[in-house]
């Protein structure tokens, strides 16, 4: 693997959190070939489709729709710019034009989007996702390594960023917090909670939209974590 190092300061130096009000957000995203507008547009479109749900739908449906549509709309936005899609081990990814890193999406805890707090993924992740986080950790510890393309499924063996998002109920409707963050440790309980770099995105207010704050989401039934009983 050559090319993009996930963080500009090098693999051993922890980067500060890039806050949503800082011009560095746009500059940092631009270095990755992304933009606030591109991600914002994908999230807004995903929320619009999620809002078609009603309380009569299965409780997991709004979250699954938002997660799935976020991935789809990110792909629709960036594939014309040379990005590609891949789903190694059923983990849907957006892969950079260089092939050097990928982006996954996941719901996050209530700390998502706050620079002063440390978020985690909302739910435990399965083995395929955690292997990607372990690959991030190996990169940070030992630097980039060459991977033979023919020995890897498309999208495997490369660093993975996570677009975390969290819905918060407000008096007017729903506020969506989001960040693009690079995990550096798979943890021990299945939830990703350690981040090497975090890029905090501006929040989005959806006035009058149904909150659906208690739904389940992302990869339910696809990548199920299994733990040995003590």
C-alpha atoms as a PDB file:
ATOM      1  CA  UNK A   1       0.000   0.000   0.000  1.00  0.00           C
ATOM      2  CA  UNK A   2       1.381   3.374  -0.946  1.00  0.00           C
ATOM      3  CA  UNK A   3       0.242   6.967  -0.970  1.00  0.00           C
ATOM      4  CA  UNK A   4      -2.154   8.416   1.605  1.00  0.00           C
ATOM      5  CA  UNK A   5      -1.050   8.464   5.229  1.00  0.00           C
ATOM      6  CA  UNK A   6      -4.225   8.954   7.256  1.00  0.00           C
ATOM      7  CA  UNK A   7      -2.835  11.802   9.315  1.00  0.00           C
ATOM      8  CA  UNK A   8      -0.522  14.573   8.160  1.00  0.00           C
ATOM      9  CA  UNK A   9       1.651  14.590  11.244  1.00  0.00           C
ATOM     10  CA  UNK A  10       2.756  11.011  10.572  1.00  0.00           C
ATOM     11  CA  UNK A  11       1.632   7.672  11.967  1.00  0.00           C
ATOM     12  CA  UNK A  12       3.006   8.113  15.484  1.00  0.00           C
ATOM     13  CA  UNK A  13       1.929  11.671  16.370  1.00  0.00           C
ATOM     14  CA  UNK A  14      -1.660  12.007  17.617  1.00  0.00           C
ATOM     15  CA  UNK A  15      -3.479  14.827  15.837  1.00  0.00           C
ATOM     16  CA  UNK A  16      -5.694  17.291  17.668  1.00  0.00           C
ATOM     17  CA  UNK A  17      -9.416  17.248  16.998  1.00  0.00           C
ATOM     18  CA  UNK A  18     -10.387  19.488  14.102  1.00  0.00           C
ATOM     19  CA  UNK A  19     -13.460  21.452  15.194  1.00  0.00           C
ATOM     20  CA  UNK A  20     -16.467  22.279  13.057  1.00  0.00           C
ATOM     21  CA  UNK A  21     -15.906  26.042  13.230  1.00  0.00           C
ATOM     22  CA  UNK A  22     -12.289  25.775  12.140  1.00  0.00           C
ATOM     23  CA  UNK A  23     -11.288  26.431   8.539  1.00  0.00           C
ATOM     24  CA  UNK A  24      -8.976  23.454   8.937  1.00  0.00           C
ATOM     25  CA  UNK A  25     -12.047  21.206   8.620  1.00  0.00           C
ATOM     26  CA  UNK A  26     -12.483  22.107   4.970  1.00  0.00           C
ATOM     27  CA  UNK A  27      -8.733  21.965   4.338  1.00  0.00           C
ATOM     28  CA  UNK A  28      -8.380  18.561   6.005  1.00  0.00           C
ATOM     29  CA  UNK A  29     -11.339  17.122   4.136  1.00  0.00           C
ATOM     30  CA  UNK A  30      -9.913  18.502   0.896  1.00  0.00           C
ATOM     31  CA  UNK A  31      -6.674  16.614   1.561  1.00  0.00           C
ATOM     32  CA  UNK A  32      -8.769  13.442   1.672  1.00  0.00           C
ATOM     33  CA  UNK A  33     -10.620  14.395  -1.507  1.00  0.00           C
ATOM     34  CA  UNK A  34     -13.828  15.226   0.375  1.00  0.00           C
ATOM     35  CA  UNK A  35     -15.845  18.318   1.229  1.00  0.00           C
ATOM     36  CA  UNK A  36     -18.258  19.523   3.894  1.00  0.00           C
ATOM     37  CA  UNK A  37     -20.833  20.099   1.165  1.00  0.00           C
ATOM     38  CA  UNK A  38     -20.507  16.581  -0.248  1.00  0.00           C
ATOM     39  CA  UNK A  39     -20.914  14.850   3.105  1.00  0.00           C
ATOM     40  CA  UNK A  40     -23.622  17.274   4.238  1.00  0.00           C
ATOM     41  CA  UNK A  41     -25.621  16.616   1.078  1.00  0.00           C
ATOM     42  CA  UNK A  42     -25.429  12.848   1.520  1.00  0.00           C
ATOM     43  CA  UNK A  43     -26.582  13.091   5.141  1.00  0.00           C
ATOM     44  CA  UNK A  44     -29.464  15.413   4.270  1.00  0.00           C
ATOM     45  CA  UNK A  45     -30.680  13.078   1.534  1.00  0.00           C
ATOM     46  CA  UNK A  46     -30.428  10.089   3.882  1.00  0.00           C
ATOM     47  CA  UNK A  47     -32.469  11.938   6.499  1.00  0.00           C
ATOM     48  CA  UNK A  48     -35.138  12.775   3.946  1.00  0.00           C
ATOM     49  CA  UNK A  49     -35.629   9.093   3.147  1.00  0.00           C
ATOM     50  CA  UNK A  50     -35.529   8.112   6.804  1.00  0.00           C
ATOM     51  CA  UNK A  51     -38.307  10.584   7.490  1.00  0.00           C
ATOM     52  CA  UNK A  52     -40.718   8.585   5.337  1.00  0.00           C
ATOM     53  CA  UNK A  53     -40.861   6.069   8.182  1.00  0.00           C
ATOM     54  CA  UNK A  54     -43.641   6.186  10.772  1.00  0.00           C
ATOM     55  CA  UNK A  55     -44.011   4.699  14.268  1.00  0.00           C
ATOM     56  CA  UNK A  56     -45.821   1.784  12.598  1.00  0.00           C
ATOM     57  CA  UNK A  57     -42.647   0.654  10.850  1.00  0.00           C
ATOM     58  CA  UNK A  58     -40.324  -1.876  12.520  1.00  0.00           C
ATOM     59  CA  UNK A  59     -38.224  -0.075  15.111  1.00  0.00           C
ATOM     60  CA  UNK A  60     -34.986  -0.864  13.279  1.00  0.00           C
ATOM     61  CA  UNK A  61     -36.127   0.429   9.890  1.00  0.00           C
ATOM     62  CA  UNK A  62     -35.446   4.186  10.239  1.00  0.00           C
ATOM     63  CA  UNK A  63     -31.890   3.597  11.408  1.00  0.00           C
ATOM     64  CA  UNK A  64     -31.195   1.001   8.758  1.00  0.00           C
ATOM     65  CA  UNK A  65     -32.569   3.284   6.064  1.00  0.00           C
ATOM     66  CA  UNK A  66     -30.439   6.190   7.242  1.00  0.00           C
ATOM     67  CA  UNK A  67     -27.305   4.054   7.422  1.00  0.00           C
ATOM     68  CA  UNK A  68     -27.853   2.433   4.036  1.00  0.00           C
ATOM     69  CA  UNK A  69     -28.820   5.635   2.276  1.00  0.00           C
ATOM     70  CA  UNK A  70     -25.848   7.486   3.745  1.00  0.00           C
ATOM     71  CA  UNK A  71     -23.551   4.935   2.137  1.00  0.00           C
ATOM     72  CA  UNK A  72     -25.452   5.032  -1.142  1.00  0.00           C
ATOM     73  CA  UNK A  73     -25.517   8.827  -1.369  1.00  0.00           C
ATOM     74  CA  UNK A  74     -21.837   9.146  -0.464  1.00  0.00           C
ATOM     75  CA  UNK A  75     -21.101   6.731  -3.294  1.00  0.00           C
ATOM     76  CA  UNK A  76     -23.342   8.638  -5.701  1.00  0.00           C
ATOM     77  CA  UNK A  77     -21.593  11.871  -4.751  1.00  0.00           C
ATOM     78  CA  UNK A  78     -17.999  10.694  -5.019  1.00  0.00           C
ATOM     79  CA  UNK A  79     -17.897   7.892  -7.577  1.00  0.00           C
ATOM     80  CA  UNK A  80     -18.102  10.484 -10.402  1.00  0.00           C
ATOM     81  CA  UNK A  81     -14.931  11.964  -8.893  1.00  0.00           C
ATOM     82  CA  UNK A  82     -13.019   8.696  -9.178  1.00  0.00           C
ATOM     83  CA  UNK A  83     -13.949   6.974  -5.932  1.00  0.00           C
ATOM     84  CA  UNK A  84     -15.175   3.371  -6.010  1.00  0.00           C
ATOM     85  CA  UNK A  85     -17.445   1.152  -3.941  1.00  0.00           C
ATOM     86  CA  UNK A  86     -16.486  -2.123  -2.299  1.00  0.00           C
ATOM     87  CA  UNK A  87     -18.049  -4.440   0.268  1.00  0.00           C
ATOM     88  CA  UNK A  88     -15.374  -6.816   1.586  1.00  0.00           C
ATOM     89  CA  UNK A  89     -16.858  -9.264   4.097  1.00  0.00           C
ATOM     90  CA  UNK A  90     -20.182  -7.389   3.732  1.00  0.00           C
ATOM     91  CA  UNK A  91     -18.727  -4.131   5.080  1.00  0.00           C
ATOM     92  CA  UNK A  92     -19.867  -1.434   2.611  1.00  0.00           C
ATOM     93  CA  UNK A  93     -17.113   1.055   1.820  1.00  0.00           C
ATOM     94  CA  UNK A  94     -16.365   4.110  -0.258  1.00  0.00           C
ATOM     95  CA  UNK A  95     -12.785   3.692  -1.512  1.00  0.00           C
ATOM     96  CA  UNK A  96     -10.566   6.664  -2.392  1.00  0.00           C
ATOM     97  CA  UNK A  97      -9.389   7.062  -5.998  1.00  0.00           C
ATOM     98  CA  UNK A  98      -5.851   6.179  -4.899  1.00  0.00           C
ATOM     99  CA  UNK A  99      -7.092   2.956  -3.300  1.00  0.00           C
ATOM    100  CA  UNK A 100      -5.122   3.880  -0.187  1.00  0.00           C
ATOM    101  CA  UNK A 101      -8.004   4.304   2.256  1.00  0.00           C
ATOM    102  CA  UNK A 102     -11.740   3.770   2.614  1.00  0.00           C
ATOM    103  CA  UNK A 103     -14.719   5.257   4.424  1.00  0.00           C
ATOM    104  CA  UNK A 104     -17.393   3.341   6.326  1.00  0.00           C
ATOM    105  CA  UNK A 105     -20.501   4.719   8.048  1.00  0.00           C
ATOM    106  CA  UNK A 106     -21.807   4.007  11.526  1.00  0.00           C
ATOM    107  CA  UNK A 107     -24.132   5.430  14.122  1.00  0.00           C
ATOM    108  CA  UNK A 108     -22.293   6.899  17.093  1.00  0.00           C
ATOM    109  CA  UNK A 109     -22.909   7.529  20.765  1.00  0.00           C
ATOM    110  CA  UNK A 110     -24.286  10.796  22.150  1.00  0.00           C
ATOM    111  CA  UNK A 111     -20.733  12.204  22.310  1.00  0.00           C
ATOM    112  CA  UNK A 112     -20.484  12.167  18.505  1.00  0.00           C
ATOM    113  CA  UNK A 113     -19.751  15.574  17.027  1.00  0.00           C
ATOM    114  CA  UNK A 114     -18.490  17.189  20.240  1.00  0.00           C
ATOM    115  CA  UNK A 115     -14.794  18.046  20.114  1.00  0.00           C
ATOM    116  CA  UNK A 116     -14.394  17.985  23.905  1.00  0.00           C
ATOM    117  CA  UNK A 117     -15.916  14.500  24.267  1.00  0.00           C
ATOM    118  CA  UNK A 118     -14.885  11.054  23.073  1.00  0.00           C
ATOM    119  CA  UNK A 119     -17.529   9.130  21.152  1.00  0.00           C
ATOM    120  CA  UNK A 120     -17.907   5.447  20.480  1.00  0.00           C
ATOM    121  CA  UNK A 121     -19.888   3.532  17.907  1.00  0.00           C
ATOM    122  CA  UNK A 122     -23.437   3.196  19.178  1.00  0.00           C
ATOM    123  CA  UNK A 123     -23.475  -0.573  18.959  1.00  0.00           C
ATOM    124  CA  UNK A 124     -20.799  -3.296  19.124  1.00  0.00           C
ATOM    125  CA  UNK A 125     -19.269  -4.195  15.788  1.00  0.00           C
ATOM    126  CA  UNK A 126     -18.625  -7.600  14.346  1.00  0.00           C
ATOM    127  CA  UNK A 127     -15.404  -9.290  13.424  1.00  0.00           C
ATOM    128  CA  UNK A 128     -15.126  -7.891   9.892  1.00  0.00           C
ATOM    129  CA  UNK A 129     -15.368  -4.278  11.072  1.00  0.00           C
ATOM    130  CA  UNK A 130     -13.006  -4.819  13.980  1.00  0.00           C
ATOM    131  CA  UNK A 131     -10.408  -6.332  11.658  1.00  0.00           C
ATOM    132  CA  UNK A 132     -10.420  -3.060   9.749  1.00  0.00           C
ATOM    133  CA  UNK A 133      -9.772  -1.134  12.952  1.00  0.00           C
ATOM    134  CA  UNK A 134      -6.955  -3.522  13.798  1.00  0.00           C
ATOM    135  CA  UNK A 135      -5.469  -2.804  10.360  1.00  0.00           C
ATOM    136  CA  UNK A 136      -5.571   0.908  11.259  1.00  0.00           C
ATOM    137  CA  UNK A 137      -3.717   0.177  14.494  1.00  0.00           C
ATOM    138  CA  UNK A 138      -1.044  -1.813  12.682  1.00  0.00           C
ATOM    139  CA  UNK A 139      -0.546   1.034  10.243  1.00  0.00           C
ATOM    140  CA  UNK A 140      -0.084   3.546  13.055  1.00  0.00           C
ATOM    141  CA  UNK A 141       2.314   1.281  14.916  1.00  0.00           C
ATOM    142  CA  UNK A 142       4.436   0.026  12.066  1.00  0.00           C
ATOM    143  CA  UNK A 143       3.747   2.310   9.111  1.00  0.00           C
ATOM    144  CA  UNK A 144       2.488   1.386   5.668  1.00  0.00           C
ATOM    145  CA  UNK A 145       3.068  -2.092   4.319  1.00  0.00           C
ATOM    146  CA  UNK A 146       2.830  -3.403   0.798  1.00  0.00           C
ATOM    147  CA  UNK A 147      -0.199  -5.600   0.077  1.00  0.00           C
ATOM    148  CA  UNK A 148      -0.431  -7.817  -2.977  1.00  0.00           C
ATOM    149  CA  UNK A 149      -3.686  -6.776  -4.719  1.00  0.00           C
ATOM    150  CA  UNK A 150      -4.471 -10.257  -6.011  1.00  0.00           C
ATOM    151  CA  UNK A 151      -4.411 -11.611  -2.458  1.00  0.00           C
ATOM    152  CA  UNK A 152      -6.958  -9.135  -1.156  1.00  0.00           C
ATOM    153  CA  UNK A 153     -10.651  -8.628  -1.740  1.00  0.00           C
ATOM    154  CA  UNK A 154     -11.300  -5.115  -3.032  1.00  0.00           C
ATOM    155  CA  UNK A 155     -11.159  -2.639  -0.156  1.00  0.00           C
ATOM    156  CA  UNK A 156      -9.306  -4.931   2.244  1.00  0.00           C
ATOM    157  CA  UNK A 157      -5.943  -4.234   3.823  1.00  0.00           C
ATOM    158  CA  UNK A 158      -6.297  -0.434   3.705  1.00  0.00           C
ATOM    159  CA  UNK A 159      -6.932   2.202   6.401  1.00  0.00           C
ATOM    160  CA  UNK A 160     -10.584   2.902   7.154  1.00  0.00           C
ATOM    161  CA  UNK A 161     -12.163   6.148   8.320  1.00  0.00           C
ATOM    162  CA  UNK A 162     -15.624   6.102   9.913  1.00  0.00           C
ATOM    163  CA  UNK A 163     -18.357   8.632   9.279  1.00  0.00           C
ATOM    164  CA  UNK A 164     -20.041   8.674  12.681  1.00  0.00           C
ATOM    165  CA  UNK A 165     -23.467  10.252  13.127  1.00  0.00           C
ATOM    166  CA  UNK A 166     -25.898  10.724  15.987  1.00  0.00           C
ATOM    167  CA  UNK A 167     -29.488  11.990  16.012  1.00  0.00           C
ATOM    168  CA  UNK A 168     -30.497  14.285  18.864  1.00  0.00           C
ATOM    169  CA  UNK A 169     -34.114  15.243  19.571  1.00  0.00           C
ATOM    170  CA  UNK A 170     -34.737  19.003  19.796  1.00  0.00           C
ATOM    171  CA  UNK A 171     -37.824  21.138  20.443  1.00  0.00           C
ATOM    172  CA  UNK A 172     -38.043  21.816  16.711  1.00  0.00           C
ATOM    173  CA  UNK A 173     -37.299  18.333  15.403  1.00  0.00           C
ATOM    174  CA  UNK A 174     -33.946  16.596  15.012  1.00  0.00           C
ATOM    175  CA  UNK A 175     -30.322  17.691  15.121  1.00  0.00           C
ATOM    176  CA  UNK A 176     -27.758  15.492  13.411  1.00  0.00           C
ATOM    177  CA  UNK A 177     -24.192  15.488  14.707  1.00  0.00           C
ATOM    178  CA  UNK A 178     -21.479  13.903  12.588  1.00  0.00           C
ATOM    179  CA  UNK A 179     -17.722  13.506  12.344  1.00  0.00           C
ATOM    180  CA  UNK A 180     -15.226  11.740  10.112  1.00  0.00           C
ATOM    181  CA  UNK A 181     -12.849   9.911  12.402  1.00  0.00           C
ATOM    182  CA  UNK A 182      -9.975   7.447  12.195  1.00  0.00           C
ATOM    183  CA  UNK A 183     -10.073   4.694  14.867  1.00  0.00           C
ATOM    184  CA  UNK A 184      -6.806   3.412  16.247  1.00  0.00           C
ATOM    185  CA  UNK A 185      -7.836   0.556  18.550  1.00  0.00           C
ATOM    186  CA  UNK A 186     -10.544  -2.097  18.229  1.00  0.00           C
ATOM    187  CA  UNK A 187     -11.152  -2.153  21.979  1.00  0.00           C
ATOM    188  CA  UNK A 188     -12.347  -5.159  23.964  1.00  0.00           C
ATOM    189  CA  UNK A 189     -16.149  -4.887  24.060  1.00  0.00           C
ATOM    190  CA  UNK A 190     -16.966  -4.482  20.395  1.00  0.00           C
ATOM    191  CA  UNK A 191     -17.616  -0.735  20.427  1.00  0.00           C
ATOM    192  CA  UNK A 192     -14.977   1.417  18.753  1.00  0.00           C
ATOM    193  CA  UNK A 193     -14.048   4.185  21.199  1.00  0.00           C
ATOM    194  CA  UNK A 194     -10.430   5.156  20.522  1.00  0.00           C
ATOM    195  CA  UNK A 195      -9.663   7.654  17.748  1.00  0.00           C
ATOM    196  CA  UNK A 196      -6.398   8.768  16.228  1.00  0.00           C
ATOM    197  CA  UNK A 197      -7.924  11.716  14.387  1.00  0.00           C
ATOM    198  CA  UNK A 198     -11.370  13.292  14.427  1.00  0.00           C
ATOM    199  CA  UNK A 199     -12.792  15.818  11.959  1.00  0.00           C
ATOM    200  CA  UNK A 200     -15.906  17.367  13.502  1.00  0.00           C
ATOM    201  CA  UNK A 201     -18.542  18.315  10.937  1.00  0.00           C
ATOM    202  CA  UNK A 202     -21.117  21.099  11.324  1.00  0.00           C
ATOM    203  CA  UNK A 203     -24.374  19.824  12.787  1.00  0.00           C
ATOM    204  CA  UNK A 204     -27.555  19.805  10.715  1.00  0.00           C
ATOM    205  CA  UNK A 205     -30.976  20.825  12.041  1.00  0.00           C
ATOM    206  CA  UNK A 206     -34.082  19.182  10.599  1.00  0.00           C
ATOM    207  CA  UNK A 207     -37.112  21.142  11.743  1.00  0.00           C
ATOM    208  CA  UNK A 208     -40.279  19.133  12.078  1.00  0.00           C
ATOM    209  CA  UNK A 209     -38.630  15.819  11.191  1.00  0.00           C
ATOM    210  CA  UNK A 210     -39.579  12.756  13.205  1.00  0.00           C
ATOM    211  CA  UNK A 211     -36.720  12.116  15.668  1.00  0.00           C
ATOM    212  CA  UNK A 212     -36.705   8.260  15.766  1.00  0.00           C
ATOM    213  CA  UNK A 213     -33.979   8.539  18.401  1.00  0.00           C
ATOM    214  CA  UNK A 214     -34.455   5.058  19.838  1.00  0.00           C
ATOM    215  CA  UNK A 215     -34.133   2.973  16.687  1.00  0.00           C
ATOM    216  CA  UNK A 216     -31.456   0.413  15.947  1.00  0.00           C
ATOM    217  CA  UNK A 217     -29.300   0.677  12.878  1.00  0.00           C
ATOM    218  CA  UNK A 218     -26.361  -0.260  10.678  1.00  0.00           C
ATOM    219  CA  UNK A 219     -25.451  -3.779   9.731  1.00  0.00           C
ATOM    220  CA  UNK A 220     -28.014  -5.515  11.902  1.00  0.00           C
ATOM    221  CA  UNK A 221     -27.847  -9.209  11.082  1.00  0.00           C
ATOM    222  CA  UNK A 222     -24.885  -8.797   8.739  1.00  0.00           C
ATOM    223  CA  UNK A 223     -21.795  -8.584  10.916  1.00  0.00           C
ATOM    224  CA  UNK A 224     -22.758  -9.954  14.322  1.00  0.00           C
ATOM    225  CA  UNK A 225     -20.175  -9.894  17.134  1.00  0.00           C
ATOM    226  CA  UNK A 226     -19.784 -13.209  18.945  1.00  0.00           C
ATOM    227  CA  UNK A 227     -18.081 -13.346  22.347  1.00  0.00           C
ATOM    228  CA  UNK A 228     -16.991 -16.413  24.304  1.00  0.00           C
ATOM    229  CA  UNK A 229     -18.804 -16.738  27.615  1.00  0.00           C
ATOM    230  CA  UNK A 230     -16.563 -16.393  30.694  1.00  0.00           C
END
